[in-house]
Amino acid sequence: ALSEVYRKKFTTFFNHNAEVLWRNGVNKNDLLFSSSWSTPVV
């Protein structure tokens, strides 16, 4: 029942957050996440 315009916008944002988290926000040495999804754990 959600309009396609909103579905497209929502899906884009959702997918983008996941992309940024996995590509930029994960410490690839120990696979931990910080409070920022764009910055790895220190």
PDB file of all heavy atoms in Angstrom:
ATOM      1  N   ALA A   1       0.807  -1.219   0.000  1.00  0.00           N
ATOM      2  CA  ALA A   1       0.000   0.000   0.000  1.00  0.00           C
ATOM      3  C   ALA A   1       0.844   1.274   0.000  1.00  0.00           C
ATOM      4  O   ALA A   1       0.304   2.369  -0.162  1.00  0.00           O
ATOM      5  CB  ALA A   1      -0.937   0.006   1.217  1.00  0.00           C
ATOM      6  N   LEU A   2       2.149   1.154   0.189  1.00  0.00           N
ATOM      7  CA  LEU A   2       3.019   2.329   0.151  1.00  0.00           C
ATOM      8  C   LEU A   2       3.226   2.748  -1.296  1.00  0.00           C
ATOM      9  O   LEU A   2       3.474   1.911  -2.167  1.00  0.00           O
ATOM     10  CB  LEU A   2       4.369   2.001   0.796  1.00  0.00           C
ATOM     11  CG  LEU A   2       5.337   3.175   0.991  1.00  0.00           C
ATOM     12  CD1 LEU A   2       4.815   4.125   2.056  1.00  0.00           C
ATOM     13  CD2 LEU A   2       6.723   2.664   1.370  1.00  0.00           C
ATOM     14  N   SER A   3       3.125   4.039  -1.569  1.00  0.00           N
ATOM     15  CA  SER A   3       3.269   4.509  -2.948  1.00  0.00           C
ATOM     16  C   SER A   3       4.678   4.212  -3.455  1.00  0.00           C
ATOM     17  O   SER A   3       5.648   4.162  -2.694  1.00  0.00           O
ATOM     18  CB  SER A   3       3.003   6.011  -3.026  1.00  0.00           C
ATOM     19  OG  SER A   3       4.095   6.741  -2.491  1.00  0.00           O
ATOM     20  N   GLU A   4       4.793   4.020  -4.751  1.00  0.00           N
ATOM     21  CA  GLU A   4       6.082   3.692  -5.342  1.00  0.00           C
ATOM     22  C   GLU A   4       7.093   4.819  -5.163  1.00  0.00           C
ATOM     23  O   GLU A   4       8.298   4.580  -5.065  1.00  0.00           O
ATOM     24  CB  GLU A   4       5.914   3.352  -6.824  1.00  0.00           C
ATOM     25  CG  GLU A   4       5.325   1.970  -7.062  1.00  0.00           C
ATOM     26  CD  GLU A   4       6.131   0.876  -6.376  1.00  0.00           C
ATOM     27  OE1 GLU A   4       7.369   0.854  -6.520  1.00  0.00           O
ATOM     28  OE2 GLU A   4       5.520   0.048  -5.677  1.00  0.00           O
ATOM     29  N   VAL A   5       6.610   6.056  -5.150  1.00  0.00           N
ATOM     30  CA  VAL A   5       7.523   7.185  -4.961  1.00  0.00           C
ATOM     31  C   VAL A   5       8.205   7.085  -3.605  1.00  0.00           C
ATOM     32  O   VAL A   5       9.424   7.235  -3.486  1.00  0.00           O
ATOM     33  CB  VAL A   5       6.770   8.519  -5.088  1.00  0.00           C
ATOM     34  CG1 VAL A   5       7.678   9.696  -4.751  1.00  0.00           C
ATOM     35  CG2 VAL A   5       6.201   8.683  -6.491  1.00  0.00           C
ATOM     36  N   TYR A   6       7.415   6.822  -2.572  1.00  0.00           N
ATOM     37  CA  TYR A   6       7.994   6.668  -1.239  1.00  0.00           C
ATOM     38  C   TYR A   6       8.825   5.387  -1.128  1.00  0.00           C
ATOM     39  O   TYR A   6       9.881   5.377  -0.489  1.00  0.00           O
ATOM     40  CB  TYR A   6       6.898   6.672  -0.179  1.00  0.00           C
ATOM     41  CG  TYR A   6       6.468   8.061   0.213  1.00  0.00           C
ATOM     42  CD1 TYR A   6       5.249   8.579  -0.216  1.00  0.00           C
ATOM     43  CD2 TYR A   6       7.275   8.864   1.006  1.00  0.00           C
ATOM     44  CE1 TYR A   6       4.849   9.855   0.135  1.00  0.00           C
ATOM     45  CE2 TYR A   6       6.884  10.141   1.363  1.00  0.00           C
ATOM     46  CZ  TYR A   6       5.674  10.636   0.927  1.00  0.00           C
ATOM     47  OH  TYR A   6       5.281  11.902   1.280  1.00  0.00           O
ATOM     48  N   ARG A   7       8.339   4.319  -1.728  1.00  0.00           N
ATOM     49  CA  ARG A   7       9.094   3.071  -1.651  1.00  0.00           C
ATOM     50  C   ARG A   7      10.494   3.254  -2.237  1.00  0.00           C
ATOM     51  O   ARG A   7      11.487   2.769  -1.685  1.00  0.00           O
ATOM     52  CB  ARG A   7       8.369   1.948  -2.385  1.00  0.00           C
ATOM     53  CG  ARG A   7       9.019   0.574  -2.161  1.00  0.00           C
ATOM     54  CD  ARG A   7       8.432  -0.501  -3.067  1.00  0.00           C
ATOM     55  NE  ARG A   7       7.008  -0.346  -3.248  1.00  0.00           N
ATOM     56  CZ  ARG A   7       6.090  -0.697  -2.342  1.00  0.00           C
ATOM     57  NH1 ARG A   7       6.467  -1.226  -1.200  1.00  0.00           N
ATOM     58  NH2 ARG A   7       4.804  -0.521  -2.586  1.00  0.00           N
ATOM     59  N   LYS A   8      10.572   3.965  -3.354  1.00  0.00           N
ATOM     60  CA  LYS A   8      11.861   4.184  -3.999  1.00  0.00           C
ATOM     61  C   LYS A   8      12.772   5.010  -3.109  1.00  0.00           C
ATOM     62  O   LYS A   8      13.954   4.677  -2.912  1.00  0.00           O
ATOM     63  CB  LYS A   8      11.656   4.883  -5.340  1.00  0.00           C
ATOM     64  CG  LYS A   8      12.938   5.085  -6.139  1.00  0.00           C
ATOM     65  CD  LYS A   8      12.621   5.703  -7.492  1.00  0.00           C
ATOM     66  CE  LYS A   8      13.888   5.853  -8.320  1.00  0.00           C
ATOM     67  NZ  LYS A   8      13.608   6.442  -9.653  1.00  0.00           N
ATOM     68  N   LYS A   9      12.226   6.064  -2.551  1.00  0.00           N
ATOM     69  CA  LYS A   9      13.031   6.919  -1.674  1.00  0.00           C
ATOM     70  C   LYS A   9      13.486   6.155  -0.433  1.00  0.00           C
ATOM     71  O   LYS A   9      14.655   6.210  -0.039  1.00  0.00           O
ATOM     72  CB  LYS A   9      12.244   8.157  -1.262  1.00  0.00           C
ATOM     73  CG  LYS A   9      13.053   9.080  -0.351  1.00  0.00           C
ATOM     74  CD  LYS A   9      12.279  10.324   0.058  1.00  0.00           C
ATOM     75  CE  LYS A   9      13.181  11.246   0.886  1.00  0.00           C
ATOM     76  NZ  LYS A   9      12.485  12.447   1.352  1.00  0.00           N
ATOM     77  N   PHE A  10      12.567   5.444   0.202  1.00  0.00           N
ATOM     78  CA  PHE A  10      12.885   4.723   1.432  1.00  0.00           C
ATOM     79  C   PHE A  10      13.907   3.608   1.180  1.00  0.00           C
ATOM     80  O   PHE A  10      14.850   3.421   1.948  1.00  0.00           O
ATOM     81  CB  PHE A  10      11.620   4.137   2.050  1.00  0.00           C
ATOM     82  CG  PHE A  10      10.688   5.163   2.654  1.00  0.00           C
ATOM     83  CD1 PHE A  10      10.975   6.519   2.626  1.00  0.00           C
ATOM     84  CD2 PHE A  10       9.497   4.762   3.248  1.00  0.00           C
ATOM     85  CE1 PHE A  10      10.110   7.460   3.183  1.00  0.00           C
ATOM     86  CE2 PHE A  10       8.630   5.690   3.819  1.00  0.00           C
ATOM     87  CZ  PHE A  10       8.932   7.039   3.776  1.00  0.00           C
ATOM     88  N   THR A  11      13.707   2.871   0.088  1.00  0.00           N
ATOM     89  CA  THR A  11      14.615   1.770  -0.223  1.00  0.00           C
ATOM     90  C   THR A  11      16.008   2.291  -0.531  1.00  0.00           C
ATOM     91  O   THR A  11      17.021   1.702  -0.117  1.00  0.00           O
ATOM     92  CB  THR A  11      14.076   0.945  -1.402  1.00  0.00           C
ATOM     93  OG1 THR A  11      12.782   0.431  -1.072  1.00  0.00           O
ATOM     94  CG2 THR A  11      15.005  -0.213  -1.732  1.00  0.00           C
ATOM     95  N   THR A  12      16.073   3.393  -1.261  1.00  0.00           N
ATOM     96  CA  THR A  12      17.364   4.000  -1.578  1.00  0.00           C
ATOM     97  C   THR A  12      18.119   4.368  -0.308  1.00  0.00           C
ATOM     98  O   THR A  12      19.306   4.067  -0.157  1.00  0.00           O
ATOM     99  CB  THR A  12      17.159   5.252  -2.453  1.00  0.00           C
ATOM    100  OG1 THR A  12      16.626   4.864  -3.712  1.00  0.00           O
ATOM    101  CG2 THR A  12      18.470   5.994  -2.667  1.00  0.00           C
ATOM    102  N   PHE A  13      17.437   5.023   0.613  1.00  0.00           N
ATOM    103  CA  PHE A  13      18.082   5.449   1.860  1.00  0.00           C
ATOM    104  C   PHE A  13      18.515   4.243   2.687  1.00  0.00           C
ATOM    105  O   PHE A  13      19.626   4.206   3.235  1.00  0.00           O
ATOM    106  CB  PHE A  13      17.132   6.332   2.660  1.00  0.00           C
ATOM    107  CG  PHE A  13      17.762   6.922   3.895  1.00  0.00           C
ATOM    108  CD1 PHE A  13      18.546   8.066   3.814  1.00  0.00           C
ATOM    109  CD2 PHE A  13      17.574   6.331   5.137  1.00  0.00           C
ATOM    110  CE1 PHE A  13      19.141   8.609   4.946  1.00  0.00           C
ATOM    111  CE2 PHE A  13      18.156   6.867   6.275  1.00  0.00           C
ATOM    112  CZ  PHE A  13      18.939   8.011   6.184  1.00  0.00           C
ATOM    113  N   PHE A  14      17.653   3.272   2.782  1.00  0.00           N
ATOM    114  CA  PHE A  14      17.952   2.056   3.545  1.00  0.00           C
ATOM    115  C   PHE A  14      19.193   1.361   2.985  1.00  0.00           C
ATOM    116  O   PHE A  14      20.144   1.037   3.718  1.00  0.00           O
ATOM    117  CB  PHE A  14      16.734   1.131   3.487  1.00  0.00           C
ATOM    118  CG  PHE A  14      16.942  -0.222   4.105  1.00  0.00           C
ATOM    119  CD1 PHE A  14      16.921  -0.386   5.475  1.00  0.00           C
ATOM    120  CD2 PHE A  14      17.131  -1.339   3.299  1.00  0.00           C
ATOM    121  CE1 PHE A  14      17.103  -1.648   6.045  1.00  0.00           C
ATOM    122  CE2 PHE A  14      17.315  -2.595   3.857  1.00  0.00           C
ATOM    123  CZ  PHE A  14      17.298  -2.747   5.238  1.00  0.00           C
ATOM    124  N   ASN A  15      19.205   1.137   1.677  1.00  0.00           N
ATOM    125  CA  ASN A  15      20.339   0.457   1.050  1.00  0.00           C
ATOM    126  C   ASN A  15      21.629   1.263   1.196  1.00  0.00           C
ATOM    127  O   ASN A  15      22.706   0.702   1.419  1.00  0.00           O
ATOM    128  CB  ASN A  15      20.056   0.207  -0.430  1.00  0.00           C
ATOM    129  CG  ASN A  15      18.997  -0.859  -0.649  1.00  0.00           C
ATOM    130  OD1 ASN A  15      18.666  -1.626   0.253  1.00  0.00           O
ATOM    131  ND2 ASN A  15      18.442  -0.906  -1.849  1.00  0.00           N
ATOM    132  N   HIS A  16      21.493   2.571   1.076  1.00  0.00           N
ATOM    133  CA  HIS A  16      22.673   3.430   1.176  1.00  0.00           C
ATOM    134  C   HIS A  16      23.306   3.351   2.567  1.00  0.00           C
ATOM    135  O   HIS A  16      24.540   3.286   2.691  1.00  0.00           O
ATOM    136  CB  HIS A  16      22.282   4.866   0.852  1.00  0.00           C
ATOM    137  CG  HIS A  16      23.409   5.844   0.983  1.00  0.00           C
ATOM    138  ND1 HIS A  16      24.467   5.886   0.116  1.00  0.00           N
ATOM    139  CD2 HIS A  16      23.649   6.801   1.912  1.00  0.00           C
ATOM    140  CE1 HIS A  16      25.302   6.841   0.481  1.00  0.00           C
ATOM    141  NE2 HIS A  16      24.833   7.407   1.575  1.00  0.00           N
ATOM    142  N   ASN A  17      22.501   3.359   3.616  1.00  0.00           N
ATOM    143  CA  ASN A  17      23.037   3.236   4.968  1.00  0.00           C
ATOM    144  C   ASN A  17      23.815   1.941   5.132  1.00  0.00           C
ATOM    145  O   ASN A  17      24.893   1.916   5.736  1.00  0.00           O
ATOM    146  CB  ASN A  17      21.910   3.313   5.996  1.00  0.00           C
ATOM    147  CG  ASN A  17      21.554   4.715   6.392  1.00  0.00           C
ATOM    148  OD1 ASN A  17      21.894   5.192   7.468  1.00  0.00           O
ATOM    149  ND2 ASN A  17      20.847   5.409   5.509  1.00  0.00           N
ATOM    150  N   ALA A  18      23.271   0.849   4.603  1.00  0.00           N
ATOM    151  CA  ALA A  18      23.961  -0.436   4.708  1.00  0.00           C
ATOM    152  C   ALA A  18      25.276  -0.422   3.930  1.00  0.00           C
ATOM    153  O   ALA A  18      26.300  -0.945   4.398  1.00  0.00           O
ATOM    154  CB  ALA A  18      23.055  -1.561   4.213  1.00  0.00           C
ATOM    155  N   GLU A  19      25.260   0.162   2.751  1.00  0.00           N
ATOM    156  CA  GLU A  19      26.485   0.254   1.948  1.00  0.00           C
ATOM    157  C   GLU A  19      27.572   1.030   2.693  1.00  0.00           C
ATOM    158  O   GLU A  19      28.725   0.599   2.774  1.00  0.00           O
ATOM    159  CB  GLU A  19      26.186   0.941   0.608  1.00  0.00           C
ATOM    160  CG  GLU A  19      25.345   0.139  -0.359  1.00  0.00           C
ATOM    161  CD  GLU A  19      26.186  -0.749  -1.265  1.00  0.00           C
ATOM    162  OE1 GLU A  19      27.435  -0.642  -1.216  1.00  0.00           O
ATOM    163  OE2 GLU A  19      25.594  -1.537  -2.021  1.00  0.00           O
ATOM    164  N   VAL A  20      27.206   2.178   3.230  1.00  0.00           N
ATOM    165  CA  VAL A  20      28.189   3.007   3.929  1.00  0.00           C
ATOM    166  C   VAL A  20      28.722   2.281   5.162  1.00  0.00           C
ATOM    167  O   VAL A  20      29.925   2.281   5.436  1.00  0.00           O
ATOM    168  CB  VAL A  20      27.584   4.370   4.315  1.00  0.00           C
ATOM    169  CG1 VAL A  20      28.527   5.147   5.238  1.00  0.00           C
ATOM    170  CG2 VAL A  20      27.288   5.194   3.059  1.00  0.00           C
ATOM    171  N   LEU A  21      27.831   1.646   5.911  1.00  0.00           N
ATOM    172  CA  LEU A  21      28.265   0.919   7.106  1.00  0.00           C
ATOM    173  C   LEU A  21      29.277  -0.164   6.752  1.00  0.00           C
ATOM    174  O   LEU A  21      30.347  -0.253   7.366  1.00  0.00           O
ATOM    175  CB  LEU A  21      27.058   0.294   7.807  1.00  0.00           C
ATOM    176  CG  LEU A  21      27.399  -0.644   8.979  1.00  0.00           C
ATOM    177  CD1 LEU A  21      28.060   0.116  10.113  1.00  0.00           C
ATOM    178  CD2 LEU A  21      26.149  -1.369   9.470  1.00  0.00           C
ATOM    179  N   TRP A  22      28.952  -1.012   5.776  1.00  0.00           N
ATOM    180  CA  TRP A  22      29.817  -2.158   5.492  1.00  0.00           C
ATOM    181  C   TRP A  22      31.119  -1.744   4.800  1.00  0.00           C
ATOM    182  O   TRP A  22      32.172  -2.332   5.034  1.00  0.00           O
ATOM    183  CB  TRP A  22      29.076  -3.192   4.656  1.00  0.00           C
ATOM    184  CG  TRP A  22      29.820  -4.479   4.545  1.00  0.00           C
ATOM    185  CD1 TRP A  22      30.345  -5.027   3.409  1.00  0.00           C
ATOM    186  CD2 TRP A  22      30.154  -5.389   5.604  1.00  0.00           C
ATOM    187  NE1 TRP A  22      30.972  -6.216   3.685  1.00  0.00           N
ATOM    188  CE2 TRP A  22      30.867  -6.464   5.039  1.00  0.00           C
ATOM    189  CE3 TRP A  22      29.917  -5.387   6.971  1.00  0.00           C
ATOM    190  CZ2 TRP A  22      31.349  -7.536   5.796  1.00  0.00           C
ATOM    191  CZ3 TRP A  22      30.385  -6.461   7.733  1.00  0.00           C
ATOM    192  CH2 TRP A  22      31.095  -7.505   7.144  1.00  0.00           C
ATOM    193  N   ARG A  23      31.046  -0.711   3.961  1.00  0.00           N
ATOM    194  CA  ARG A  23      32.256  -0.306   3.246  1.00  0.00           C
ATOM    195  C   ARG A  23      33.150   0.607   4.085  1.00  0.00           C
ATOM    196  O   ARG A  23      34.377   0.538   4.002  1.00  0.00           O
ATOM    197  CB  ARG A  23      31.888   0.392   1.933  1.00  0.00           C
ATOM    198  CG  ARG A  23      31.151  -0.505   0.961  1.00  0.00           C
ATOM    199  CD  ARG A  23      30.895   0.184  -0.369  1.00  0.00           C
ATOM    200  NE  ARG A  23      30.014  -0.617  -1.206  1.00  0.00           N
ATOM    201  CZ  ARG A  23      30.393  -1.694  -1.897  1.00  0.00           C
ATOM    202  NH1 ARG A  23      31.648  -2.093  -1.852  1.00  0.00           N
ATOM    203  NH2 ARG A  23      29.517  -2.356  -2.632  1.00  0.00           N
ATOM    204  N   ASN A  24      32.548   1.468   4.893  1.00  0.00           N
ATOM    205  CA  ASN A  24      33.323   2.501   5.587  1.00  0.00           C
ATOM    206  C   ASN A  24      33.288   2.390   7.111  1.00  0.00           C
ATOM    207  O   ASN A  24      34.196   2.883   7.779  1.00  0.00           O
ATOM    208  CB  ASN A  24      32.808   3.898   5.212  1.00  0.00           C
ATOM    209  CG  ASN A  24      32.874   4.159   3.724  1.00  0.00           C
ATOM    210  OD1 ASN A  24      33.697   3.587   3.014  1.00  0.00           O
ATOM    211  ND2 ASN A  24      31.999   5.025   3.237  1.00  0.00           N
ATOM    212  N   GLY A  25      32.250   1.790   7.667  1.00  0.00           N
ATOM    213  CA  GLY A  25      32.044   1.859   9.100  1.00  0.00           C
ATOM    214  C   GLY A  25      32.393   0.605   9.875  1.00  0.00           C
ATOM    215  O   GLY A  25      32.124   0.537  11.078  1.00  0.00           O
ATOM    216  N   VAL A  26      32.984  -0.386   9.206  1.00  0.00           N
ATOM    217  CA  VAL A  26      33.331  -1.625   9.895  1.00  0.00           C
ATOM    218  C   VAL A  26      34.838  -1.713  10.065  1.00  0.00           C
ATOM    219  O   VAL A  26      35.604  -1.425   9.142  1.00  0.00           O
ATOM    220  CB  VAL A  26      32.802  -2.874   9.147  1.00  0.00           C
ATOM    221  CG1 VAL A  26      33.404  -2.992   7.760  1.00  0.00           C
ATOM    222  CG2 VAL A  26      33.055  -4.138   9.951  1.00  0.00           C
ATOM    223  N   ASN A  27      35.250  -2.057  11.269  1.00  0.00           N
ATOM    224  CA  ASN A  27      36.653  -2.334  11.525  1.00  0.00           C
ATOM    225  C   ASN A  27      36.956  -3.722  10.973  1.00  0.00           C
ATOM    226  O   ASN A  27      36.534  -4.731  11.525  1.00  0.00           O
ATOM    227  CB  ASN A  27      36.924  -2.282  13.030  1.00  0.00           C
ATOM    228  CG  ASN A  27      38.395  -2.454  13.361  1.00  0.00           C
ATOM    229  OD1 ASN A  27      39.117  -3.161  12.669  1.00  0.00           O
ATOM    230  ND2 ASN A  27      38.835  -1.814  14.428  1.00  0.00           N
ATOM    231  N   LYS A  28      37.650  -3.780   9.871  1.00  0.00           N
ATOM    232  CA  LYS A  28      37.843  -5.048   9.161  1.00  0.00           C
ATOM    233  C   LYS A  28      38.831  -5.974   9.862  1.00  0.00           C
ATOM    234  O   LYS A  28      39.013  -7.117   9.449  1.00  0.00           O
ATOM    235  CB  LYS A  28      38.245  -4.778   7.713  1.00  0.00           C
ATOM    236  CG  LYS A  28      37.124  -4.105   6.923  1.00  0.00           C
ATOM    237  CD  LYS A  28      37.536  -3.779   5.510  1.00  0.00           C
ATOM    238  CE  LYS A  28      36.362  -3.228   4.715  1.00  0.00           C
ATOM    239  NZ  LYS A  28      35.832  -1.960   5.258  1.00  0.00           N
ATOM    240  N   ASN A  29      39.475  -5.490  10.905  1.00  0.00           N
ATOM    241  CA  ASN A  29      40.356  -6.357  11.680  1.00  0.00           C
ATOM    242  C   ASN A  29      39.603  -7.187  12.702  1.00  0.00           C
ATOM    243  O   ASN A  29      39.998  -8.302  13.015  1.00  0.00           O
ATOM    244  CB  ASN A  29      41.430  -5.528  12.385  1.00  0.00           C
ATOM    245  CG  ASN A  29      42.400  -4.901  11.414  1.00  0.00           C
ATOM    246  OD1 ASN A  29      42.837  -5.549  10.468  1.00  0.00           O
ATOM    247  ND2 ASN A  29      42.713  -3.634  11.623  1.00  0.00           N
ATOM    248  N   ASP A  30      38.526  -6.619  13.262  1.00  0.00           N
ATOM    249  CA  ASP A  30      37.795  -7.385  14.278  1.00  0.00           C
ATOM    250  C   ASP A  30      36.285  -7.312  14.145  1.00  0.00           C
ATOM    251  O   ASP A  30      35.560  -7.830  14.978  1.00  0.00           O
ATOM    252  CB  ASP A  30      38.206  -6.962  15.681  1.00  0.00           C
ATOM    253  CG  ASP A  30      38.017  -5.468  15.928  1.00  0.00           C
ATOM    254  OD1 ASP A  30      37.369  -4.794  15.101  1.00  0.00           O
ATOM    255  OD2 ASP A  30      38.504  -4.992  16.962  1.00  0.00           O
ATOM    256  N   LEU A  31      35.786  -6.687  13.076  1.00  0.00           N
ATOM    257  CA  LEU A  31      34.360  -6.708  12.747  1.00  0.00           C
ATOM    258  C   LEU A  31      33.492  -6.174  13.888  1.00  0.00           C
ATOM    259  O   LEU A  31      32.504  -6.785  14.278  1.00  0.00           O
ATOM    260  CB  LEU A  31      33.927  -8.123  12.356  1.00  0.00           C
ATOM    261  CG  LEU A  31      34.607  -8.664  11.099  1.00  0.00           C
ATOM    262  CD1 LEU A  31      34.262 -10.133  10.890  1.00  0.00           C
ATOM    263  CD2 LEU A  31      34.199  -7.854   9.876  1.00  0.00           C
ATOM    264  N   LEU A  32      33.861  -5.003  14.398  1.00  0.00           N
ATOM    265  CA  LEU A  32      33.055  -4.304  15.388  1.00  0.00           C
ATOM    266  C   LEU A  32      32.528  -3.011  14.778  1.00  0.00           C
ATOM    267  O   LEU A  32      33.134  -2.450  13.865  1.00  0.00           O
ATOM    268  CB  LEU A  32      33.880  -3.991  16.639  1.00  0.00           C
ATOM    269  CG  LEU A  32      34.352  -5.175  17.470  1.00  0.00           C
ATOM    270  CD1 LEU A  32      35.259  -4.693  18.598  1.00  0.00           C
ATOM    271  CD2 LEU A  32      33.165  -5.958  18.038  1.00  0.00           C
ATOM    272  N   PHE A  33      31.408  -2.529  15.313  1.00  0.00           N
ATOM    273  CA  PHE A  33      30.808  -1.295  14.814  1.00  0.00           C
ATOM    274  C   PHE A  33      30.835  -0.217  15.881  1.00  0.00           C
ATOM    275  O   PHE A  33      30.638  -0.488  17.071  1.00  0.00           O
ATOM    276  CB  PHE A  33      29.364  -1.542  14.374  1.00  0.00           C
ATOM    277  CG  PHE A  33      29.233  -2.574  13.299  1.00  0.00           C
ATOM    278  CD1 PHE A  33      28.687  -3.818  13.583  1.00  0.00           C
ATOM    279  CD2 PHE A  33      29.675  -2.318  12.023  1.00  0.00           C
ATOM    280  CE1 PHE A  33      28.579  -4.784  12.604  1.00  0.00           C
ATOM    281  CE2 PHE A  33      29.581  -3.279  11.025  1.00  0.00           C
ATOM    282  CZ  PHE A  33      29.025  -4.523  11.312  1.00  0.00           C
ATOM    283  N   SER A  34      31.033   1.019  15.439  1.00  0.00           N
ATOM    284  CA  SER A  34      31.022   2.166  16.342  1.00  0.00           C
ATOM    285  C   SER A  34      29.646   2.825  16.300  1.00  0.00           C
ATOM    286  O   SER A  34      28.733   2.353  15.623  1.00  0.00           O
ATOM    287  CB  SER A  34      32.101   3.164  15.934  1.00  0.00           C
ATOM    288  OG  SER A  34      31.726   3.855  14.751  1.00  0.00           O
ATOM    289  N   SER A  35      29.516   3.939  17.001  1.00  0.00           N
ATOM    290  CA  SER A  35      28.250   4.674  16.995  1.00  0.00           C
ATOM    291  C   SER A  35      28.038   5.424  15.689  1.00  0.00           C
ATOM    292  O   SER A  35      26.933   5.883  15.406  1.00  0.00           O
ATOM    293  CB  SER A  35      28.190   5.649  18.168  1.00  0.00           C
ATOM    294  OG  SER A  35      29.257   6.584  18.095  1.00  0.00           O
ATOM    295  N   SER A  36      29.089   5.562  14.894  1.00  0.00           N
ATOM    296  CA  SER A  36      28.991   6.186  13.576  1.00  0.00           C
ATOM    297  C   SER A  36      29.048   5.115  12.509  1.00  0.00           C
ATOM    298  O   SER A  36      29.971   4.289  12.506  1.00  0.00           O
ATOM    299  CB  SER A  36      30.127   7.188  13.359  1.00  0.00           C
ATOM    300  OG  SER A  36      30.198   7.579  11.993  1.00  0.00           O
ATOM    301  N   TRP A  37      28.119   5.133  11.587  1.00  0.00           N
ATOM    302  CA  TRP A  37      28.108   4.137  10.524  1.00  0.00           C
ATOM    303  C   TRP A  37      29.054   4.481   9.384  1.00  0.00           C
ATOM    304  O   TRP A  37      29.176   3.710   8.429  1.00  0.00           O
ATOM    305  CB  TRP A  37      26.686   3.930  10.013  1.00  0.00           C
ATOM    306  CG  TRP A  37      25.872   3.093  10.951  1.00  0.00           C
ATOM    307  CD1 TRP A  37      26.320   2.401  12.031  1.00  0.00           C
ATOM    308  CD2 TRP A  37      24.463   2.840  10.880  1.00  0.00           C
ATOM    309  NE1 TRP A  37      25.290   1.733  12.650  1.00  0.00           N
ATOM    310  CE2 TRP A  37      24.133   1.995  11.956  1.00  0.00           C
ATOM    311  CE3 TRP A  37      23.448   3.254  10.026  1.00  0.00           C
ATOM    312  CZ2 TRP A  37      22.827   1.551  12.193  1.00  0.00           C
ATOM    313  CZ3 TRP A  37      22.146   2.816  10.256  1.00  0.00           C
ATOM    314  CH2 TRP A  37      21.838   1.967  11.328  1.00  0.00           C
ATOM    315  N   SER A  38      29.738   5.610   9.471  1.00  0.00           N
ATOM    316  CA  SER A  38      30.710   5.969   8.431  1.00  0.00           C
ATOM    317  C   SER A  38      32.145   5.897   8.933  1.00  0.00           C
ATOM    318  O   SER A  38      33.069   6.153   8.167  1.00  0.00           O
ATOM    319  CB  SER A  38      30.420   7.387   7.912  1.00  0.00           C
ATOM    320  OG  SER A  38      30.588   8.341   8.946  1.00  0.00           O
ATOM    321  N   THR A  39      32.332   5.529  10.200  1.00  0.00           N
ATOM    322  CA  THR A  39      33.667   5.549  10.804  1.00  0.00           C
ATOM    323  C   THR A  39      33.931   4.243  11.540  1.00  0.00           C
ATOM    324  O   THR A  39      33.132   3.856  12.402  1.00  0.00           O
ATOM    325  CB  THR A  39      33.804   6.718  11.793  1.00  0.00           C
ATOM    326  OG1 THR A  39      33.438   7.939  11.144  1.00  0.00           O
ATOM    327  CG2 THR A  39      35.228   6.813  12.320  1.00  0.00           C
ATOM    328  N   PRO A  40      35.025   3.561  11.265  1.00  0.00           N
ATOM    329  CA  PRO A  40      35.318   2.308  11.961  1.00  0.00           C
ATOM    330  C   PRO A  40      35.625   2.530  13.441  1.00  0.00           C
ATOM    331  O   PRO A  40      35.983   3.624  13.866  1.00  0.00           O
ATOM    332  CB  PRO A  40      36.559   1.772  11.229  1.00  0.00           C
ATOM    333  CG  PRO A  40      36.614   2.509   9.943  1.00  0.00           C
ATOM    334  CD  PRO A  40      36.007   3.852  10.207  1.00  0.00           C
ATOM    335  N   VAL A  41      35.519   1.462  14.198  1.00  0.00           N
ATOM    336  CA  VAL A  41      35.860   1.487  15.614  1.00  0.00           C
ATOM    337  C   VAL A  41      37.349   1.762  15.785  1.00  0.00           C
ATOM    338  O   VAL A  41      38.180   1.223  15.060  1.00  0.00           O
ATOM    339  CB  VAL A  41      35.502   0.140  16.277  1.00  0.00           C
ATOM    340  CG1 VAL A  41      36.123   0.025  17.664  1.00  0.00           C
ATOM    341  CG2 VAL A  41      33.996  -0.028  16.350  1.00  0.00           C
ATOM    342  N   VAL A  42      37.670   2.607  16.753  1.00  0.00           N
ATOM    343  CA  VAL A  42      39.050   2.785  17.194  1.00  0.00           C
ATOM    344  C   VAL A  42      39.118   2.245  18.614  1.00  0.00           C
ATOM    345  O   VAL A  42      38.491   2.778  19.523  1.00  0.00           O
ATOM    346  CB  VAL A  42      39.474   4.265  17.156  1.00  0.00           C
ATOM    347  CG1 VAL A  42      40.892   4.419  17.705  1.00  0.00           C
ATOM    348  CG2 VAL A  42      39.383   4.812  15.734  1.00  0.00           C
TER     349      VAL A  42
END
